[in-house]
N, C-alpha and C. Protein backbone atom coordinates (compact mmCIF):
# COMPACT_ATOMS: atom_id res chain seq x y z
N UNK A 1 -76.27 14.25 -53.41
CA UNK A 1 -76.22 15.01 -52.19
C UNK A 1 -74.87 14.76 -51.52
N UNK A 2 -74.21 15.77 -51.12
CA UNK A 2 -72.89 15.66 -50.50
C UNK A 2 -73.03 15.14 -49.09
N UNK A 3 -72.11 14.35 -48.71
CA UNK A 3 -72.11 13.80 -47.37
C UNK A 3 -71.32 14.74 -46.47
N UNK A 4 -71.98 15.41 -45.58
CA UNK A 4 -71.28 16.31 -44.67
C UNK A 4 -71.34 15.71 -43.28
N UNK A 5 -70.19 15.63 -42.69
CA UNK A 5 -70.12 15.03 -41.37
C UNK A 5 -69.21 15.90 -40.52
N UNK A 6 -69.57 16.13 -39.30
CA UNK A 6 -68.71 16.90 -38.41
C UNK A 6 -68.08 15.94 -37.41
N UNK A 7 -66.85 16.26 -37.06
CA UNK A 7 -66.10 15.43 -36.11
C UNK A 7 -65.95 16.20 -34.81
N UNK A 8 -66.00 15.50 -33.70
CA UNK A 8 -65.75 16.18 -32.42
C UNK A 8 -64.33 16.72 -32.38
N UNK A 9 -64.13 17.77 -31.62
CA UNK A 9 -62.82 18.43 -31.54
C UNK A 9 -61.75 17.47 -31.05
N UNK A 10 -62.08 16.52 -30.18
CA UNK A 10 -61.06 15.60 -29.64
C UNK A 10 -60.51 14.70 -30.73
N UNK A 11 -61.35 14.26 -31.68
CA UNK A 11 -60.84 13.37 -32.73
C UNK A 11 -59.99 14.14 -33.73
N UNK A 12 -60.28 15.42 -33.95
CA UNK A 12 -59.47 16.22 -34.87
C UNK A 12 -58.10 16.46 -34.26
N UNK A 13 -58.04 16.74 -32.96
CA UNK A 13 -56.74 16.96 -32.33
C UNK A 13 -55.92 15.68 -32.32
N UNK A 14 -56.57 14.52 -32.25
CA UNK A 14 -55.83 13.25 -32.28
C UNK A 14 -55.19 13.05 -33.65
N UNK A 15 -55.87 13.54 -34.69
CA UNK A 15 -55.32 13.39 -36.04
C UNK A 15 -54.15 14.33 -36.28
N UNK A 16 -54.10 15.43 -35.59
CA UNK A 16 -53.04 16.41 -35.82
C UNK A 16 -52.00 16.40 -34.71
N UNK A 17 -52.02 15.39 -33.85
CA UNK A 17 -51.04 15.32 -32.76
C UNK A 17 -49.64 15.15 -33.34
N UNK A 18 -48.65 15.73 -32.69
CA UNK A 18 -47.29 15.61 -33.21
C UNK A 18 -46.80 14.16 -33.18
N UNK A 19 -46.02 13.81 -34.19
CA UNK A 19 -45.50 12.46 -34.30
C UNK A 19 -44.23 12.38 -33.45
N UNK A 20 -44.10 11.34 -32.62
CA UNK A 20 -42.88 11.24 -31.81
C UNK A 20 -41.67 11.00 -32.71
N UNK A 21 -40.49 11.46 -32.29
CA UNK A 21 -39.30 11.28 -33.11
C UNK A 21 -38.95 9.80 -33.26
N UNK A 22 -38.35 9.47 -34.38
CA UNK A 22 -37.96 8.08 -34.65
C UNK A 22 -36.81 7.68 -33.73
N UNK A 23 -36.62 6.36 -33.56
CA UNK A 23 -35.57 5.86 -32.69
C UNK A 23 -34.19 6.18 -33.23
N UNK A 24 -33.96 5.87 -34.47
CA UNK A 24 -32.63 6.05 -35.04
C UNK A 24 -32.65 7.09 -36.12
N UNK A 25 -31.49 7.31 -36.67
CA UNK A 25 -31.38 8.27 -37.76
C UNK A 25 -31.13 7.54 -39.06
N UNK A 26 -31.71 8.03 -40.11
CA UNK A 26 -31.46 7.46 -41.42
C UNK A 26 -30.24 8.14 -42.02
N UNK A 27 -29.52 7.42 -42.84
CA UNK A 27 -28.38 8.00 -43.52
C UNK A 27 -28.45 7.64 -44.99
N UNK A 28 -27.78 8.40 -45.79
CA UNK A 28 -27.73 8.11 -47.22
C UNK A 28 -26.91 6.86 -47.44
N UNK A 29 -27.31 6.06 -48.39
CA UNK A 29 -26.62 4.82 -48.71
C UNK A 29 -25.83 5.03 -49.99
N UNK A 30 -24.55 4.69 -49.93
CA UNK A 30 -23.71 4.79 -51.12
C UNK A 30 -24.07 3.67 -52.09
N UNK A 31 -23.86 3.89 -53.40
CA UNK A 31 -24.19 2.85 -54.38
C UNK A 31 -23.46 1.54 -54.13
N UNK A 32 -22.25 1.58 -53.57
CA UNK A 32 -21.51 0.34 -53.34
C UNK A 32 -22.04 -0.43 -52.13
N UNK A 33 -22.96 0.16 -51.36
CA UNK A 33 -23.54 -0.52 -50.21
C UNK A 33 -24.86 -1.22 -50.55
N UNK A 34 -25.39 -0.98 -51.73
CA UNK A 34 -26.66 -1.56 -52.13
C UNK A 34 -26.44 -3.01 -52.56
N UNK A 35 -27.21 -3.91 -52.00
CA UNK A 35 -27.11 -5.33 -52.32
C UNK A 35 -28.36 -5.74 -53.07
N UNK A 36 -28.17 -6.39 -54.20
CA UNK A 36 -29.30 -6.92 -54.95
C UNK A 36 -29.63 -8.31 -54.39
N UNK A 37 -30.76 -8.43 -53.71
CA UNK A 37 -31.12 -9.68 -53.05
C UNK A 37 -31.26 -10.81 -54.06
N UNK A 38 -31.76 -10.52 -55.24
CA UNK A 38 -31.97 -11.56 -56.25
C UNK A 38 -30.67 -12.27 -56.61
N UNK A 39 -29.54 -11.60 -56.49
CA UNK A 39 -28.25 -12.23 -56.80
C UNK A 39 -27.90 -13.33 -55.81
N UNK A 40 -28.49 -13.30 -54.62
CA UNK A 40 -28.16 -14.28 -53.58
C UNK A 40 -29.15 -15.44 -53.54
N UNK A 41 -30.27 -15.35 -54.26
CA UNK A 41 -31.29 -16.38 -54.20
C UNK A 41 -31.10 -17.42 -55.29
N UNK A 42 -31.42 -18.69 -55.00
CA UNK A 42 -31.38 -19.69 -56.07
C UNK A 42 -32.52 -19.44 -57.05
N UNK A 43 -32.43 -19.98 -58.27
CA UNK A 43 -33.50 -19.75 -59.26
C UNK A 43 -34.86 -20.21 -58.74
N UNK A 44 -35.86 -19.39 -58.96
CA UNK A 44 -37.22 -19.71 -58.56
C UNK A 44 -37.56 -19.39 -57.11
N UNK A 45 -36.58 -19.01 -56.33
CA UNK A 45 -36.82 -18.74 -54.91
C UNK A 45 -37.31 -17.31 -54.73
N UNK A 46 -37.96 -17.08 -53.63
CA UNK A 46 -38.42 -15.74 -53.28
C UNK A 46 -38.16 -15.53 -51.79
N UNK A 47 -38.25 -14.29 -51.35
CA UNK A 47 -38.01 -13.99 -49.94
C UNK A 47 -39.10 -13.11 -49.40
N UNK A 48 -39.42 -13.31 -48.13
CA UNK A 48 -40.46 -12.56 -47.45
C UNK A 48 -39.95 -12.10 -46.09
N UNK A 49 -40.46 -11.00 -45.60
CA UNK A 49 -40.06 -10.59 -44.24
C UNK A 49 -40.52 -11.64 -43.23
N UNK A 50 -39.67 -11.95 -42.28
CA UNK A 50 -40.01 -12.92 -41.23
C UNK A 50 -40.97 -12.28 -40.24
N UNK A 51 -41.91 -13.05 -39.71
CA UNK A 51 -42.80 -12.50 -38.68
C UNK A 51 -41.98 -12.05 -37.47
N UNK A 52 -42.36 -10.93 -36.90
CA UNK A 52 -41.59 -10.33 -35.81
C UNK A 52 -41.48 -11.26 -34.60
N UNK A 53 -42.51 -12.07 -34.34
CA UNK A 53 -42.48 -12.93 -33.16
C UNK A 53 -41.47 -14.07 -33.31
N UNK A 54 -40.95 -14.32 -34.50
CA UNK A 54 -39.99 -15.40 -34.70
C UNK A 54 -38.55 -14.94 -34.53
N UNK A 55 -38.34 -13.64 -34.36
CA UNK A 55 -36.98 -13.11 -34.27
C UNK A 55 -36.59 -12.87 -32.82
N UNK A 56 -35.31 -13.06 -32.50
CA UNK A 56 -34.88 -12.80 -31.12
C UNK A 56 -34.92 -11.31 -30.82
N UNK A 57 -35.02 -11.00 -29.54
CA UNK A 57 -35.02 -9.60 -29.12
C UNK A 57 -33.91 -9.39 -28.09
N UNK A 58 -33.35 -8.21 -28.11
CA UNK A 58 -32.34 -7.83 -27.13
C UNK A 58 -32.87 -6.66 -26.33
N UNK A 59 -32.76 -6.73 -25.01
CA UNK A 59 -33.27 -5.64 -24.18
C UNK A 59 -32.59 -4.32 -24.53
N UNK A 60 -33.39 -3.29 -24.69
CA UNK A 60 -32.87 -1.96 -24.97
C UNK A 60 -32.43 -1.74 -26.41
N UNK A 61 -32.63 -2.72 -27.28
CA UNK A 61 -32.23 -2.61 -28.68
C UNK A 61 -33.47 -2.57 -29.57
N UNK A 62 -33.36 -1.94 -30.75
CA UNK A 62 -34.51 -1.95 -31.66
C UNK A 62 -34.78 -3.37 -32.16
N UNK A 63 -36.00 -3.62 -32.63
CA UNK A 63 -36.33 -4.96 -33.10
C UNK A 63 -35.45 -5.37 -34.28
N UNK A 64 -35.16 -6.66 -34.36
CA UNK A 64 -34.35 -7.18 -35.46
C UNK A 64 -35.21 -7.37 -36.70
N UNK A 65 -34.54 -7.46 -37.83
CA UNK A 65 -35.21 -7.69 -39.09
C UNK A 65 -34.69 -9.00 -39.65
N UNK A 66 -35.59 -9.83 -40.16
CA UNK A 66 -35.19 -11.11 -40.74
C UNK A 66 -36.05 -11.42 -41.94
N UNK A 67 -35.60 -12.38 -42.74
CA UNK A 67 -36.33 -12.77 -43.94
C UNK A 67 -36.40 -14.28 -44.05
N UNK A 68 -37.46 -14.75 -44.67
CA UNK A 68 -37.62 -16.16 -44.97
C UNK A 68 -37.37 -16.34 -46.46
N UNK A 69 -36.60 -17.37 -46.82
CA UNK A 69 -36.36 -17.69 -48.23
C UNK A 69 -37.21 -18.90 -48.57
N UNK A 70 -38.09 -18.74 -49.55
CA UNK A 70 -38.97 -19.82 -49.99
C UNK A 70 -38.42 -20.41 -51.28
N UNK A 71 -38.20 -21.73 -51.27
CA UNK A 71 -37.64 -22.42 -52.42
C UNK A 71 -38.73 -23.33 -52.97
N UNK A 72 -38.89 -23.39 -54.32
CA UNK A 72 -39.91 -24.27 -54.89
C UNK A 72 -39.74 -25.72 -54.45
N UNK A 73 -40.88 -26.44 -54.33
CA UNK A 73 -40.86 -27.84 -53.89
C UNK A 73 -40.01 -28.67 -54.85
N UNK A 74 -39.27 -29.60 -54.29
CA UNK A 74 -38.43 -30.48 -55.10
C UNK A 74 -37.05 -29.91 -55.38
N UNK A 75 -36.86 -28.64 -55.13
CA UNK A 75 -35.55 -28.03 -55.35
C UNK A 75 -34.80 -28.01 -54.03
N UNK A 76 -33.58 -28.51 -54.05
CA UNK A 76 -32.79 -28.56 -52.83
C UNK A 76 -31.68 -27.53 -52.89
N UNK A 77 -31.32 -27.03 -51.72
CA UNK A 77 -30.19 -26.14 -51.64
C UNK A 77 -28.97 -26.96 -51.27
N UNK A 78 -27.92 -26.84 -52.04
CA UNK A 78 -26.68 -27.54 -51.72
C UNK A 78 -26.01 -26.84 -50.56
N UNK A 79 -25.72 -27.58 -49.51
CA UNK A 79 -25.11 -26.97 -48.33
C UNK A 79 -23.70 -26.48 -48.61
N UNK A 80 -23.01 -27.11 -49.56
CA UNK A 80 -21.63 -26.73 -49.84
C UNK A 80 -21.53 -25.48 -50.70
N UNK A 81 -22.60 -25.15 -51.40
CA UNK A 81 -22.57 -24.00 -52.29
C UNK A 81 -23.09 -22.76 -51.58
N UNK A 82 -22.28 -21.74 -51.45
CA UNK A 82 -22.78 -20.51 -50.85
C UNK A 82 -23.74 -19.80 -51.80
N UNK A 83 -24.72 -19.13 -51.24
CA UNK A 83 -25.70 -18.42 -52.05
C UNK A 83 -25.21 -17.01 -52.32
N UNK A 84 -24.05 -16.89 -52.91
CA UNK A 84 -23.47 -15.60 -53.23
C UNK A 84 -23.21 -15.50 -54.72
N UNK A 85 -23.28 -14.31 -55.27
CA UNK A 85 -22.96 -14.16 -56.68
C UNK A 85 -21.47 -14.36 -56.91
N UNK A 86 -21.07 -14.39 -58.15
CA UNK A 86 -19.66 -14.54 -58.47
C UNK A 86 -18.86 -13.49 -57.73
N UNK A 87 -17.70 -13.90 -57.26
CA UNK A 87 -16.85 -12.99 -56.50
C UNK A 87 -16.37 -11.87 -57.40
N UNK A 88 -16.62 -10.62 -57.01
CA UNK A 88 -16.15 -9.50 -57.83
C UNK A 88 -14.63 -9.41 -57.77
N UNK A 89 -14.03 -8.77 -58.76
CA UNK A 89 -12.58 -8.61 -58.70
C UNK A 89 -12.18 -7.78 -57.50
N UNK A 90 -11.01 -8.08 -56.97
CA UNK A 90 -10.53 -7.35 -55.79
C UNK A 90 -10.33 -5.89 -56.15
N UNK A 91 -10.74 -4.98 -55.25
CA UNK A 91 -10.57 -3.56 -55.55
C UNK A 91 -9.10 -3.19 -55.61
N UNK A 92 -8.83 -2.11 -56.32
CA UNK A 92 -7.46 -1.63 -56.42
C UNK A 92 -6.98 -1.24 -55.04
N UNK A 93 -5.70 -1.43 -54.76
CA UNK A 93 -5.20 -1.07 -53.43
C UNK A 93 -5.45 0.40 -53.13
N UNK A 94 -5.82 0.66 -51.89
CA UNK A 94 -6.10 2.03 -51.48
C UNK A 94 -4.80 2.82 -51.43
N UNK A 95 -4.93 4.10 -51.70
CA UNK A 95 -3.76 4.96 -51.60
C UNK A 95 -3.38 5.10 -50.14
N UNK A 96 -2.11 5.06 -49.87
CA UNK A 96 -1.65 5.21 -48.50
C UNK A 96 -0.74 4.07 -48.10
N UNK A 97 -0.21 4.17 -46.91
CA UNK A 97 0.76 3.18 -46.46
C UNK A 97 0.15 1.86 -46.00
N UNK A 98 -1.15 1.85 -45.72
CA UNK A 98 -1.79 0.65 -45.19
C UNK A 98 -2.43 -0.12 -46.34
N UNK A 99 -2.10 -1.40 -46.44
CA UNK A 99 -2.65 -2.28 -47.47
C UNK A 99 -3.43 -3.39 -46.77
N UNK A 100 -4.64 -3.65 -47.26
CA UNK A 100 -5.49 -4.68 -46.69
C UNK A 100 -5.71 -5.74 -47.77
N UNK A 101 -5.45 -6.99 -47.43
CA UNK A 101 -5.72 -8.12 -48.32
C UNK A 101 -6.81 -8.95 -47.65
N UNK A 102 -8.06 -8.78 -48.11
CA UNK A 102 -9.17 -9.46 -47.46
C UNK A 102 -9.18 -10.96 -47.76
N UNK A 103 -8.59 -11.37 -48.86
CA UNK A 103 -8.54 -12.80 -49.19
C UNK A 103 -7.61 -13.52 -48.22
N UNK A 104 -6.42 -12.97 -48.01
CA UNK A 104 -5.46 -13.56 -47.08
C UNK A 104 -5.71 -13.12 -45.64
N UNK A 105 -6.60 -12.14 -45.46
CA UNK A 105 -6.88 -11.53 -44.15
C UNK A 105 -5.60 -11.03 -43.53
N UNK A 106 -4.89 -10.22 -44.32
CA UNK A 106 -3.62 -9.68 -43.87
C UNK A 106 -3.63 -8.17 -44.05
N UNK A 107 -2.97 -7.48 -43.14
CA UNK A 107 -2.81 -6.03 -43.22
C UNK A 107 -1.33 -5.72 -43.15
N UNK A 108 -0.89 -4.81 -44.02
CA UNK A 108 0.51 -4.42 -44.06
C UNK A 108 0.64 -2.91 -43.94
N UNK A 109 1.70 -2.49 -43.29
CA UNK A 109 2.04 -1.08 -43.21
C UNK A 109 3.44 -0.95 -43.77
N UNK A 110 3.58 -0.22 -44.86
CA UNK A 110 4.87 -0.05 -45.54
C UNK A 110 5.56 -1.39 -45.76
N UNK A 111 4.79 -2.40 -46.14
CA UNK A 111 5.36 -3.71 -46.45
C UNK A 111 5.56 -4.62 -45.25
N UNK A 112 5.32 -4.14 -44.04
CA UNK A 112 5.47 -4.95 -42.84
C UNK A 112 4.12 -5.50 -42.42
N UNK A 113 4.03 -6.82 -42.25
CA UNK A 113 2.79 -7.48 -41.87
C UNK A 113 2.44 -7.14 -40.42
N UNK A 114 1.17 -6.79 -40.19
CA UNK A 114 0.69 -6.48 -38.84
C UNK A 114 0.10 -7.73 -38.20
N UNK A 115 0.31 -7.89 -36.91
CA UNK A 115 -0.28 -8.98 -36.15
C UNK A 115 -1.55 -8.45 -35.49
N UNK A 116 -2.71 -8.71 -36.13
CA UNK A 116 -3.99 -8.15 -35.67
C UNK A 116 -4.93 -9.26 -35.23
N UNK A 117 -5.76 -8.95 -34.24
CA UNK A 117 -6.83 -9.86 -33.86
C UNK A 117 -7.93 -9.76 -34.93
N UNK A 118 -8.90 -10.66 -34.83
CA UNK A 118 -10.00 -10.68 -35.80
C UNK A 118 -10.71 -9.33 -35.85
N UNK A 119 -11.10 -8.80 -34.70
CA UNK A 119 -11.84 -7.54 -34.67
C UNK A 119 -10.98 -6.35 -35.07
N UNK A 120 -9.70 -6.37 -34.71
CA UNK A 120 -8.81 -5.29 -35.13
C UNK A 120 -8.70 -5.27 -36.65
N UNK A 121 -8.56 -6.46 -37.25
CA UNK A 121 -8.49 -6.52 -38.71
C UNK A 121 -9.78 -6.01 -39.34
N UNK A 122 -10.92 -6.45 -38.85
CA UNK A 122 -12.21 -6.02 -39.40
C UNK A 122 -12.38 -4.51 -39.29
N UNK A 123 -12.01 -3.95 -38.15
CA UNK A 123 -12.13 -2.51 -37.94
C UNK A 123 -11.21 -1.74 -38.88
N UNK A 124 -9.95 -2.17 -38.98
CA UNK A 124 -9.01 -1.50 -39.88
C UNK A 124 -9.44 -1.64 -41.33
N UNK A 125 -9.87 -2.82 -41.73
CA UNK A 125 -10.31 -3.04 -43.11
C UNK A 125 -11.50 -2.15 -43.45
N UNK A 126 -12.43 -2.01 -42.51
CA UNK A 126 -13.61 -1.16 -42.75
C UNK A 126 -13.21 0.31 -42.88
N UNK A 127 -12.35 0.77 -42.00
CA UNK A 127 -11.93 2.17 -42.07
C UNK A 127 -11.15 2.46 -43.34
N UNK A 128 -10.24 1.56 -43.72
CA UNK A 128 -9.42 1.76 -44.92
C UNK A 128 -10.28 1.68 -46.18
N UNK A 129 -11.31 0.85 -46.17
CA UNK A 129 -12.19 0.72 -47.35
C UNK A 129 -13.00 1.99 -47.60
N UNK A 130 -13.16 2.82 -46.56
CA UNK A 130 -13.94 4.05 -46.68
C UNK A 130 -13.10 5.24 -46.21
N UNK A 131 -12.05 5.60 -46.97
CA UNK A 131 -11.19 6.69 -46.50
C UNK A 131 -11.93 8.02 -46.44
N UNK A 132 -11.58 8.81 -45.46
CA UNK A 132 -12.12 10.16 -45.23
C UNK A 132 -13.59 10.17 -44.82
N UNK A 133 -14.22 9.04 -44.70
CA UNK A 133 -15.61 9.00 -44.23
C UNK A 133 -15.60 8.90 -42.71
N UNK A 134 -16.38 9.73 -42.07
CA UNK A 134 -16.46 9.72 -40.61
C UNK A 134 -17.48 8.67 -40.21
N UNK A 135 -17.07 7.78 -39.30
CA UNK A 135 -17.94 6.72 -38.79
C UNK A 135 -18.19 6.98 -37.32
N UNK A 136 -19.46 6.97 -36.92
CA UNK A 136 -19.76 7.11 -35.49
C UNK A 136 -19.39 5.81 -34.79
N UNK A 137 -19.25 5.88 -33.50
CA UNK A 137 -18.92 4.67 -32.74
C UNK A 137 -20.04 3.64 -32.88
N UNK A 138 -21.29 4.09 -32.87
CA UNK A 138 -22.42 3.17 -33.03
C UNK A 138 -22.40 2.50 -34.39
N UNK A 139 -22.07 3.24 -35.45
CA UNK A 139 -21.97 2.64 -36.78
C UNK A 139 -20.88 1.57 -36.81
N UNK A 140 -19.75 1.86 -36.18
CA UNK A 140 -18.66 0.88 -36.17
C UNK A 140 -19.04 -0.36 -35.37
N UNK A 141 -19.71 -0.18 -34.23
CA UNK A 141 -20.15 -1.34 -33.45
C UNK A 141 -21.10 -2.19 -34.28
N UNK A 142 -22.05 -1.55 -34.95
CA UNK A 142 -23.01 -2.28 -35.77
C UNK A 142 -22.35 -2.98 -36.94
N UNK A 143 -21.44 -2.29 -37.62
CA UNK A 143 -20.82 -2.84 -38.82
C UNK A 143 -19.77 -3.90 -38.50
N UNK A 144 -18.90 -3.62 -37.56
CA UNK A 144 -17.78 -4.52 -37.29
C UNK A 144 -18.16 -5.63 -36.31
N UNK A 145 -18.79 -5.26 -35.20
CA UNK A 145 -19.13 -6.25 -34.18
C UNK A 145 -20.42 -6.96 -34.51
N UNK A 146 -21.35 -6.31 -35.20
CA UNK A 146 -22.62 -6.93 -35.57
C UNK A 146 -23.75 -6.47 -34.68
N UNK A 147 -24.98 -6.76 -35.12
CA UNK A 147 -26.17 -6.29 -34.43
C UNK A 147 -26.32 -6.91 -33.05
N UNK A 148 -25.88 -8.14 -32.86
CA UNK A 148 -26.07 -8.81 -31.59
C UNK A 148 -25.10 -8.40 -30.51
N UNK A 149 -24.14 -7.54 -30.83
CA UNK A 149 -23.13 -7.15 -29.84
C UNK A 149 -23.74 -6.25 -28.78
N UNK A 150 -23.48 -6.59 -27.54
CA UNK A 150 -23.93 -5.75 -26.44
C UNK A 150 -22.70 -5.02 -25.92
N UNK A 151 -22.62 -3.76 -26.18
CA UNK A 151 -21.47 -2.98 -25.77
C UNK A 151 -21.71 -1.52 -26.08
N UNK A 152 -20.67 -0.73 -25.97
CA UNK A 152 -20.83 0.70 -26.22
C UNK A 152 -19.65 1.22 -27.02
N UNK A 153 -19.62 2.52 -27.21
CA UNK A 153 -18.56 3.15 -27.98
C UNK A 153 -17.19 3.00 -27.36
N UNK A 154 -17.13 2.73 -26.07
CA UNK A 154 -15.84 2.56 -25.41
C UNK A 154 -15.09 1.36 -25.99
N UNK A 155 -15.82 0.34 -26.40
CA UNK A 155 -15.21 -0.83 -27.04
C UNK A 155 -14.45 -0.40 -28.29
N UNK A 156 -15.04 0.48 -29.08
CA UNK A 156 -14.40 0.98 -30.29
C UNK A 156 -13.15 1.77 -29.92
N UNK A 157 -13.25 2.61 -28.89
CA UNK A 157 -12.09 3.41 -28.47
C UNK A 157 -10.90 2.52 -28.11
N UNK A 158 -11.17 1.43 -27.39
CA UNK A 158 -10.10 0.52 -26.97
C UNK A 158 -9.46 -0.13 -28.19
N UNK A 159 -10.26 -0.58 -29.14
CA UNK A 159 -9.72 -1.24 -30.33
C UNK A 159 -8.95 -0.25 -31.21
N UNK A 160 -9.43 0.97 -31.31
CA UNK A 160 -8.70 1.98 -32.09
C UNK A 160 -7.36 2.27 -31.43
N UNK A 161 -7.32 2.35 -30.12
CA UNK A 161 -6.05 2.59 -29.42
C UNK A 161 -5.07 1.46 -29.69
N UNK A 162 -5.55 0.22 -29.69
CA UNK A 162 -4.68 -0.92 -29.99
C UNK A 162 -4.19 -0.87 -31.43
N UNK A 163 -5.08 -0.52 -32.34
CA UNK A 163 -4.69 -0.41 -33.76
C UNK A 163 -3.61 0.66 -33.94
N UNK A 164 -3.81 1.80 -33.33
CA UNK A 164 -2.82 2.88 -33.45
C UNK A 164 -1.46 2.43 -32.92
N UNK A 165 -1.47 1.71 -31.82
CA UNK A 165 -0.22 1.21 -31.25
C UNK A 165 0.47 0.27 -32.23
N UNK A 166 -0.30 -0.59 -32.88
CA UNK A 166 0.28 -1.56 -33.82
C UNK A 166 0.71 -0.91 -35.13
N UNK A 167 0.06 0.20 -35.49
CA UNK A 167 0.46 0.90 -36.72
C UNK A 167 1.80 1.61 -36.54
N UNK A 168 2.15 1.94 -35.33
CA UNK A 168 3.43 2.58 -35.06
C UNK A 168 3.30 4.09 -35.06
N UNK A 169 4.35 4.74 -34.56
CA UNK A 169 4.35 6.20 -34.38
C UNK A 169 4.19 6.93 -35.70
N UNK A 170 4.74 6.38 -36.77
CA UNK A 170 4.70 7.08 -38.05
C UNK A 170 3.31 7.07 -38.69
N UNK A 171 2.53 6.03 -38.46
CA UNK A 171 1.24 5.88 -39.15
C UNK A 171 0.02 5.93 -38.25
N UNK A 172 0.23 6.12 -36.96
CA UNK A 172 -0.91 6.12 -36.04
C UNK A 172 -1.89 7.25 -36.33
N UNK A 173 -1.43 8.33 -36.94
CA UNK A 173 -2.31 9.47 -37.22
C UNK A 173 -3.22 9.25 -38.42
N UNK A 174 -3.07 8.12 -39.12
CA UNK A 174 -3.97 7.85 -40.25
C UNK A 174 -5.38 7.54 -39.76
N UNK A 175 -5.51 7.05 -38.53
CA UNK A 175 -6.84 6.87 -37.93
C UNK A 175 -7.07 8.08 -37.04
N UNK A 176 -7.93 8.95 -37.49
CA UNK A 176 -8.15 10.23 -36.81
C UNK A 176 -9.43 10.20 -35.99
N UNK A 177 -9.37 10.85 -34.85
CA UNK A 177 -10.54 11.00 -34.00
C UNK A 177 -11.31 12.23 -34.43
N UNK A 178 -12.61 12.08 -34.61
CA UNK A 178 -13.49 13.22 -34.85
C UNK A 178 -14.23 13.41 -33.53
N UNK A 179 -13.86 14.45 -32.82
CA UNK A 179 -14.36 14.65 -31.46
C UNK A 179 -15.89 14.61 -31.38
N UNK A 180 -16.35 13.88 -30.37
CA UNK A 180 -17.77 13.71 -30.07
C UNK A 180 -18.55 13.02 -31.16
N UNK A 181 -17.84 12.44 -32.15
CA UNK A 181 -18.53 11.73 -33.23
C UNK A 181 -17.99 10.31 -33.37
N UNK A 182 -16.73 10.18 -33.79
CA UNK A 182 -16.18 8.85 -34.02
C UNK A 182 -14.80 8.92 -34.63
N UNK A 183 -14.57 8.12 -35.68
CA UNK A 183 -13.25 8.00 -36.27
C UNK A 183 -13.34 8.01 -37.79
N UNK A 184 -12.17 8.30 -38.42
CA UNK A 184 -12.06 8.20 -39.87
C UNK A 184 -10.63 7.81 -40.22
N UNK A 185 -10.48 7.18 -41.38
CA UNK A 185 -9.16 6.85 -41.89
C UNK A 185 -8.80 7.93 -42.89
N UNK A 186 -7.64 8.57 -42.69
CA UNK A 186 -7.19 9.64 -43.58
C UNK A 186 -5.77 9.31 -44.02
N UNK A 187 -5.62 8.69 -45.22
CA UNK A 187 -4.27 8.37 -45.68
C UNK A 187 -3.49 9.66 -45.93
N UNK A 188 -2.16 9.61 -45.76
CA UNK A 188 -1.36 10.82 -45.98
C UNK A 188 -1.48 11.27 -47.43
N UNK A 189 -1.49 12.59 -47.62
CA UNK A 189 -1.64 13.14 -48.98
C UNK A 189 -0.31 13.25 -49.69
N UNK A 190 0.80 13.26 -48.96
CA UNK A 190 2.11 13.36 -49.59
C UNK A 190 2.68 11.96 -49.76
N UNK A 191 3.25 11.66 -50.94
CA UNK A 191 3.82 10.31 -51.12
C UNK A 191 5.05 10.11 -50.25
N UNK A 192 5.25 8.91 -49.81
CA UNK A 192 6.38 8.58 -48.93
C UNK A 192 7.54 8.07 -49.75
């Protein structure tokens, strides 16, 4: 015998109520942005999402995400050894007048060393590593300054203005403004 059950109209409308829009937007992830977590774990270790109540919260910001790394009993983690895979070979220098050396933490324009602050270097290195990709101000704040930074897109504008000044009149146009969106690095197409 079939089980037939009727539901009140109020419960059916609750099931079909519109879903509120999500807080943020998802974006496609490039293959070079994918990290294999297993490469960072010691042998036999596993990782689990951290309980939400153990993570710090920032007013007006989405909840943070954290993980717990579980190591088998008797196995110790050496504090001096970083949990990173073998260092990949340095990428080929990007086309254009700006050269970034992440090992030496140096940036050069046409062979002249730039005097950059920590955040200016990080911002320039990120933009040069992803030429022609448009980055929103929020993406740059999250990527360069980090999740815990409390600030706005104006911070990015100020740092980009400083970078352009340090790049000089000839190369300042390599960091282009995309109106109402953010910035991109566009190396010159003609050889110098």
